[in-house]
């Protein structure tokens, strides 16, 4: 069975650490790999997510909440589902409520979350829980003010589910990148799943 033997820090910044991993493959061969990890993320091989991704559906309007923000690693504005890091001592549900409110100004009902998932396991071991929330659209006459951190510059969008593909095409035409999880959502809808 493959397993990691050792980890070595190559470089570390304020948010990200570059690490060299020495591991044994399933044939018993020793190999190496580089990994980019959050400095304060959960330890490798942990089953506890260090971040949440929130699919917030507004009812009865059948809309989704999306955010747009500049992401330096991508070098462009990105369209994403709201998301954020789990604070020390926080559970997933608390994080989802906090991050939805901070990034969008909306409050919602927590429906469920998944176990830890990995969006780019060839690059990072960051574990993310997908959280599904429901927002009462009748409680908001207009977009509420979000409560983002000073370093964030987040724009909020309410997008009709049946207009999501067109919205994404429009954002891409404007030069925005799109988080692959939104493309996954759209592909599943197109397949009728």
C-alpha atoms as a PDB file:
ATOM      1  CA  UNK A   1       0.000   0.000   0.000  1.00  0.00           C
ATOM      2  CA  UNK A   2       1.314   3.455  -0.902  1.00  0.00           C
ATOM      3  CA  UNK A   3       2.198   5.769   1.977  1.00  0.00           C
ATOM      4  CA  UNK A   4       4.110   8.929   2.796  1.00  0.00           C
ATOM      5  CA  UNK A   5       7.376   8.433   4.673  1.00  0.00           C
ATOM      6  CA  UNK A   6       8.533  12.008   5.229  1.00  0.00           C
ATOM      7  CA  UNK A   7       7.710  15.632   4.463  1.00  0.00           C
ATOM      8  CA  UNK A   8      10.280  18.383   3.999  1.00  0.00           C
ATOM      9  CA  UNK A   9       9.540  22.097   3.866  1.00  0.00           C
ATOM     10  CA  UNK A  10      11.035  23.653   0.740  1.00  0.00           C
ATOM     11  CA  UNK A  11       9.656  27.159   1.266  1.00  0.00           C
ATOM     12  CA  UNK A  12       6.920  28.764   3.302  1.00  0.00           C
ATOM     13  CA  UNK A  13       5.076  32.054   3.035  1.00  0.00           C
ATOM     14  CA  UNK A  14       2.244  33.656   4.943  1.00  0.00           C
ATOM     15  CA  UNK A  15      -0.452  31.372   3.469  1.00  0.00           C
ATOM     16  CA  UNK A  16       1.189  28.600   1.448  1.00  0.00           C
ATOM     17  CA  UNK A  17       3.982  26.132   2.140  1.00  0.00           C
ATOM     18  CA  UNK A  18       5.770  24.207  -0.606  1.00  0.00           C
ATOM     19  CA  UNK A  19       6.716  20.748   0.609  1.00  0.00           C
ATOM     20  CA  UNK A  20       8.641  17.824  -0.788  1.00  0.00           C
ATOM     21  CA  UNK A  21       6.981  14.500   0.000  1.00  0.00           C
ATOM     22  CA  UNK A  22       8.852  11.227   0.105  1.00  0.00           C
ATOM     23  CA  UNK A  23       6.505   8.309  -0.376  1.00  0.00           C
ATOM     24  CA  UNK A  24       6.495   4.602  -1.105  1.00  0.00           C
ATOM     25  CA  UNK A  25       4.368   3.535  -4.078  1.00  0.00           C
ATOM     26  CA  UNK A  26       2.313   0.333  -4.169  1.00  0.00           C
ATOM     27  CA  UNK A  27       5.294  -1.572  -5.596  1.00  0.00           C
ATOM     28  CA  UNK A  28       7.563  -0.573  -2.707  1.00  0.00           C
ATOM     29  CA  UNK A  29       9.511   2.046  -4.706  1.00  0.00           C
ATOM     30  CA  UNK A  30      10.528   5.259  -2.942  1.00  0.00           C
ATOM     31  CA  UNK A  31       9.454   8.343  -4.877  1.00  0.00           C
ATOM     32  CA  UNK A  32       9.116  12.113  -4.351  1.00  0.00           C
ATOM     33  CA  UNK A  33       6.419  14.705  -5.075  1.00  0.00           C
ATOM     34  CA  UNK A  34       5.937  18.397  -4.381  1.00  0.00           C
ATOM     35  CA  UNK A  35       2.832  19.688  -2.650  1.00  0.00           C
ATOM     36  CA  UNK A  36       1.463  23.185  -2.044  1.00  0.00           C
ATOM     37  CA  UNK A  37      -0.311  23.277   1.307  1.00  0.00           C
ATOM     38  CA  UNK A  38      -2.000  25.881   3.447  1.00  0.00           C
ATOM     39  CA  UNK A  39       0.305  26.941   6.266  1.00  0.00           C
ATOM     40  CA  UNK A  40      -2.473  26.491   8.837  1.00  0.00           C
ATOM     41  CA  UNK A  41      -4.391  23.730   7.046  1.00  0.00           C
ATOM     42  CA  UNK A  42      -5.286  20.368   8.516  1.00  0.00           C
ATOM     43  CA  UNK A  43      -2.488  17.813   8.540  1.00  0.00           C
ATOM     44  CA  UNK A  44      -2.011  15.541   5.559  1.00  0.00           C
ATOM     45  CA  UNK A  45      -4.067  12.339   5.785  1.00  0.00           C
ATOM     46  CA  UNK A  46      -6.574  14.073   8.078  1.00  0.00           C
ATOM     47  CA  UNK A  47     -10.239  13.389   7.429  1.00  0.00           C
ATOM     48  CA  UNK A  48     -11.181  16.788   8.870  1.00  0.00           C
ATOM     49  CA  UNK A  49     -11.827  19.410   6.164  1.00  0.00           C
ATOM     50  CA  UNK A  50      -9.855  22.636   6.445  1.00  0.00           C
ATOM     51  CA  UNK A  51     -12.255  24.553   4.203  1.00  0.00           C
ATOM     52  CA  UNK A  52     -15.875  24.668   3.067  1.00  0.00           C
ATOM     53  CA  UNK A  53     -17.496  25.269  -0.299  1.00  0.00           C
ATOM     54  CA  UNK A  54     -21.096  26.466  -0.089  1.00  0.00           C
ATOM     55  CA  UNK A  55     -23.839  25.838  -2.606  1.00  0.00           C
ATOM     56  CA  UNK A  56     -26.467  28.313  -1.414  1.00  0.00           C
ATOM     57  CA  UNK A  57     -29.809  28.001  -3.179  1.00  0.00           C
ATOM     58  CA  UNK A  58     -32.269  30.849  -2.822  1.00  0.00           C
ATOM     59  CA  UNK A  59     -35.871  29.702  -2.557  1.00  0.00           C
ATOM     60  CA  UNK A  60     -38.475  30.121  -3.866  1.00  0.00           C
ATOM     61  CA  UNK A  61     -36.572  32.063  -6.567  1.00  0.00           C
ATOM     62  CA  UNK A  62     -34.476  29.046  -7.682  1.00  0.00           C
ATOM     63  CA  UNK A  63     -31.265  31.073  -7.693  1.00  0.00           C
ATOM     64  CA  UNK A  64     -27.719  30.339  -6.618  1.00  0.00           C
ATOM     65  CA  UNK A  65     -25.346  32.672  -4.817  1.00  0.00           C
ATOM     66  CA  UNK A  66     -22.034  33.129  -6.611  1.00  0.00           C
ATOM     67  CA  UNK A  67     -19.091  35.381  -5.858  1.00  0.00           C
ATOM     68  CA  UNK A  68     -16.479  37.055  -8.030  1.00  0.00           C
ATOM     69  CA  UNK A  69     -13.097  37.982  -6.679  1.00  0.00           C
ATOM     70  CA  UNK A  70      -9.536  38.429  -7.892  1.00  0.00           C
ATOM     71  CA  UNK A  71      -7.445  35.333  -7.254  1.00  0.00           C
ATOM     72  CA  UNK A  72      -3.712  36.120  -7.538  1.00  0.00           C
ATOM     73  CA  UNK A  73      -2.654  32.500  -8.287  1.00  0.00           C
ATOM     74  CA  UNK A  74      -4.996  32.486 -11.323  1.00  0.00           C
ATOM     75  CA  UNK A  75      -4.139  36.101 -12.176  1.00  0.00           C
ATOM     76  CA  UNK A  76      -7.766  36.995 -12.866  1.00  0.00           C
ATOM     77  CA  UNK A  77     -11.218  37.533 -11.474  1.00  0.00           C
ATOM     78  CA  UNK A  78     -12.801  34.183 -10.670  1.00  0.00           C
ATOM     79  CA  UNK A  79     -16.458  33.154 -10.476  1.00  0.00           C
ATOM     80  CA  UNK A  80     -16.896  30.799  -7.534  1.00  0.00           C
ATOM     81  CA  UNK A  81     -19.326  29.409  -5.030  1.00  0.00           C
ATOM     82  CA  UNK A  82     -18.862  31.091  -1.618  1.00  0.00           C
ATOM     83  CA  UNK A  83     -16.151  29.323   0.359  1.00  0.00           C
ATOM     84  CA  UNK A  84     -13.740  29.751   3.227  1.00  0.00           C
ATOM     85  CA  UNK A  85     -11.429  28.264   5.784  1.00  0.00           C
ATOM     86  CA  UNK A  86     -12.496  26.457   8.939  1.00  0.00           C
ATOM     87  CA  UNK A  87     -11.321  28.424  11.977  1.00  0.00           C
ATOM     88  CA  UNK A  88      -9.656  26.495  14.836  1.00  0.00           C
ATOM     89  CA  UNK A  89     -12.288  24.836  17.020  1.00  0.00           C
ATOM     90  CA  UNK A  90     -15.072  25.490  14.512  1.00  0.00           C
ATOM     91  CA  UNK A  91     -17.319  22.778  13.102  1.00  0.00           C
ATOM     92  CA  UNK A  92     -18.308  22.623   9.435  1.00  0.00           C
ATOM     93  CA  UNK A  93     -21.843  23.953   9.933  1.00  0.00           C
ATOM     94  CA  UNK A  94     -20.612  26.969  11.918  1.00  0.00           C
ATOM     95  CA  UNK A  95     -18.016  27.702   9.241  1.00  0.00           C
ATOM     96  CA  UNK A  96     -20.618  27.488   6.464  1.00  0.00           C
ATOM     97  CA  UNK A  97     -22.926  29.942   8.249  1.00  0.00           C
ATOM     98  CA  UNK A  98     -20.051  32.333   9.010  1.00  0.00           C
ATOM     99  CA  UNK A  99     -18.536  32.252   5.522  1.00  0.00           C
ATOM    100  CA  UNK A 100     -21.876  32.642   3.738  1.00  0.00           C
ATOM    101  CA  UNK A 101     -22.638  35.711   5.857  1.00  0.00           C
ATOM    102  CA  UNK A 102     -19.137  37.208   5.551  1.00  0.00           C
ATOM    103  CA  UNK A 103     -18.853  36.739   1.786  1.00  0.00           C
ATOM    104  CA  UNK A 104     -22.448  37.429   0.714  1.00  0.00           C
ATOM    105  CA  UNK A 105     -24.347  39.055   3.605  1.00  0.00           C
ATOM    106  CA  UNK A 106     -26.960  36.301   3.352  1.00  0.00           C
ATOM    107  CA  UNK A 107     -27.978  33.937   6.116  1.00  0.00           C
ATOM    108  CA  UNK A 108     -29.416  30.537   5.413  1.00  0.00           C
ATOM    109  CA  UNK A 109     -30.467  27.166   6.666  1.00  0.00           C
ATOM    110  CA  UNK A 110     -27.743  24.522   6.707  1.00  0.00           C
ATOM    111  CA  UNK A 111     -29.062  21.400   4.968  1.00  0.00           C
ATOM    112  CA  UNK A 112     -26.065  19.046   4.855  1.00  0.00           C
ATOM    113  CA  UNK A 113     -22.373  18.680   4.121  1.00  0.00           C
ATOM    114  CA  UNK A 114     -20.246  16.041   2.491  1.00  0.00           C
ATOM    115  CA  UNK A 115     -17.182  14.387   3.934  1.00  0.00           C
ATOM    116  CA  UNK A 116     -13.776  15.782   2.967  1.00  0.00           C
ATOM    117  CA  UNK A 117     -13.177  16.070  -0.768  1.00  0.00           C
ATOM    118  CA  UNK A 118     -10.075  17.057  -2.729  1.00  0.00           C
ATOM    119  CA  UNK A 119     -10.299  19.432  -5.684  1.00  0.00           C
ATOM    120  CA  UNK A 120      -6.730  19.211  -6.972  1.00  0.00           C
ATOM    121  CA  UNK A 121      -4.981  16.252  -5.270  1.00  0.00           C
ATOM    122  CA  UNK A 122      -2.040  16.337  -7.666  1.00  0.00           C
ATOM    123  CA  UNK A 123      -1.164  19.780  -6.272  1.00  0.00           C
ATOM    124  CA  UNK A 124      -2.458  19.914  -2.710  1.00  0.00           C
ATOM    125  CA  UNK A 125      -3.881  17.768   0.066  1.00  0.00           C
ATOM    126  CA  UNK A 126      -6.370  20.459   1.083  1.00  0.00           C
ATOM    127  CA  UNK A 127      -9.598  18.797   2.206  1.00  0.00           C
ATOM    128  CA  UNK A 128     -12.850  20.670   1.518  1.00  0.00           C
ATOM    129  CA  UNK A 129     -16.397  19.920   2.701  1.00  0.00           C
ATOM    130  CA  UNK A 130     -19.210  20.748   0.283  1.00  0.00           C
ATOM    131  CA  UNK A 131     -22.028  22.395   2.233  1.00  0.00           C
ATOM    132  CA  UNK A 132     -25.538  22.864   0.894  1.00  0.00           C
ATOM    133  CA  UNK A 133     -27.591  25.716   2.319  1.00  0.00           C
ATOM    134  CA  UNK A 134     -30.993  27.207   1.605  1.00  0.00           C
ATOM    135  CA  UNK A 135     -31.673  30.940   1.749  1.00  0.00           C
ATOM    136  CA  UNK A 136     -35.162  32.394   2.127  1.00  0.00           C
ATOM    137  CA  UNK A 137     -35.300  34.828  -0.788  1.00  0.00           C
ATOM    138  CA  UNK A 138     -38.408  36.536   0.597  1.00  0.00           C
ATOM    139  CA  UNK A 139     -36.322  37.862   3.507  1.00  0.00           C
ATOM    140  CA  UNK A 140     -34.205  40.041   1.181  1.00  0.00           C
ATOM    141  CA  UNK A 141     -35.570  42.890  -0.910  1.00  0.00           C
ATOM    142  CA  UNK A 142     -32.092  43.680  -2.249  1.00  0.00           C
ATOM    143  CA  UNK A 143     -28.549  42.346  -2.042  1.00  0.00           C
ATOM    144  CA  UNK A 144     -27.454  42.651   1.582  1.00  0.00           C
ATOM    145  CA  UNK A 145     -24.099  44.148   2.466  1.00  0.00           C
ATOM    146  CA  UNK A 146     -21.437  41.491   2.860  1.00  0.00           C
ATOM    147  CA  UNK A 147     -18.985  41.467   5.765  1.00  0.00           C
ATOM    148  CA  UNK A 148     -15.771  40.514   4.049  1.00  0.00           C
ATOM    149  CA  UNK A 149     -12.319  40.831   5.503  1.00  0.00           C
ATOM    150  CA  UNK A 150     -10.311  43.962   4.716  1.00  0.00           C
ATOM    151  CA  UNK A 151      -8.101  42.040   2.280  1.00  0.00           C
ATOM    152  CA  UNK A 152     -11.090  40.709   0.292  1.00  0.00           C
ATOM    153  CA  UNK A 153     -12.882  42.376  -2.598  1.00  0.00           C
ATOM    154  CA  UNK A 154     -15.882  40.129  -3.226  1.00  0.00           C
ATOM    155  CA  UNK A 155     -18.823  40.834  -5.538  1.00  0.00           C
ATOM    156  CA  UNK A 156     -22.021  38.836  -5.022  1.00  0.00           C
ATOM    157  CA  UNK A 157     -24.367  37.558  -7.731  1.00  0.00           C
ATOM    158  CA  UNK A 158     -27.808  35.966  -7.514  1.00  0.00           C
ATOM    159  CA  UNK A 159     -28.120  33.795 -10.600  1.00  0.00           C
ATOM    160  CA  UNK A 160     -31.213  31.883 -11.733  1.00  0.00           C
ATOM    161  CA  UNK A 161     -30.344  28.187 -11.966  1.00  0.00           C
ATOM    162  CA  UNK A 162     -31.789  27.965 -15.483  1.00  0.00           C
ATOM    163  CA  UNK A 163     -29.646  30.970 -16.535  1.00  0.00           C
ATOM    164  CA  UNK A 164     -26.395  29.766 -14.954  1.00  0.00           C
ATOM    165  CA  UNK A 165     -24.798  28.480 -18.177  1.00  0.00           C
ATOM    166  CA  UNK A 166     -25.472  31.798 -19.953  1.00  0.00           C
ATOM    167  CA  UNK A 167     -24.153  33.759 -16.950  1.00  0.00           C
ATOM    168  CA  UNK A 168     -20.946  31.692 -16.914  1.00  0.00           C
ATOM    169  CA  UNK A 169     -20.470  32.166 -20.672  1.00  0.00           C
ATOM    170  CA  UNK A 170     -20.908  35.923 -20.228  1.00  0.00           C
ATOM    171  CA  UNK A 171     -18.378  36.039 -17.379  1.00  0.00           C
ATOM    172  CA  UNK A 172     -15.859  34.001 -19.397  1.00  0.00           C
ATOM    173  CA  UNK A 173     -16.347  36.363 -22.351  1.00  0.00           C
ATOM    174  CA  UNK A 174     -15.438  39.211 -19.976  1.00  0.00           C
ATOM    175  CA  UNK A 175     -12.177  37.413 -19.104  1.00  0.00           C
ATOM    176  CA  UNK A 176     -13.198  35.852 -15.791  1.00  0.00           C
ATOM    177  CA  UNK A 177     -12.040  32.404 -14.814  1.00  0.00           C
ATOM    178  CA  UNK A 178     -14.552  29.911 -13.496  1.00  0.00           C
ATOM    179  CA  UNK A 179     -13.994  27.544 -10.606  1.00  0.00           C
ATOM    180  CA  UNK A 180     -14.138  23.971 -11.914  1.00  0.00           C
ATOM    181  CA  UNK A 181     -16.770  23.081  -9.318  1.00  0.00           C
ATOM    182  CA  UNK A 182     -19.238  25.360 -11.117  1.00  0.00           C
ATOM    183  CA  UNK A 183     -18.468  23.587 -14.404  1.00  0.00           C
ATOM    184  CA  UNK A 184     -19.051  20.278 -12.606  1.00  0.00           C
ATOM    185  CA  UNK A 185     -22.408  21.539 -11.336  1.00  0.00           C
ATOM    186  CA  UNK A 186     -23.390  22.614 -14.858  1.00  0.00           C
ATOM    187  CA  UNK A 187     -22.285  19.302 -16.397  1.00  0.00           C
ATOM    188  CA  UNK A 188     -24.347  17.325 -13.881  1.00  0.00           C
ATOM    189  CA  UNK A 189     -27.389  19.501 -14.607  1.00  0.00           C
ATOM    190  CA  UNK A 190     -26.903  19.011 -18.357  1.00  0.00           C
ATOM    191  CA  UNK A 191     -26.785  15.237 -17.834  1.00  0.00           C
ATOM    192  CA  UNK A 192     -29.987  15.450 -15.811  1.00  0.00           C
ATOM    193  CA  UNK A 193     -28.320  14.226 -12.623  1.00  0.00           C
END
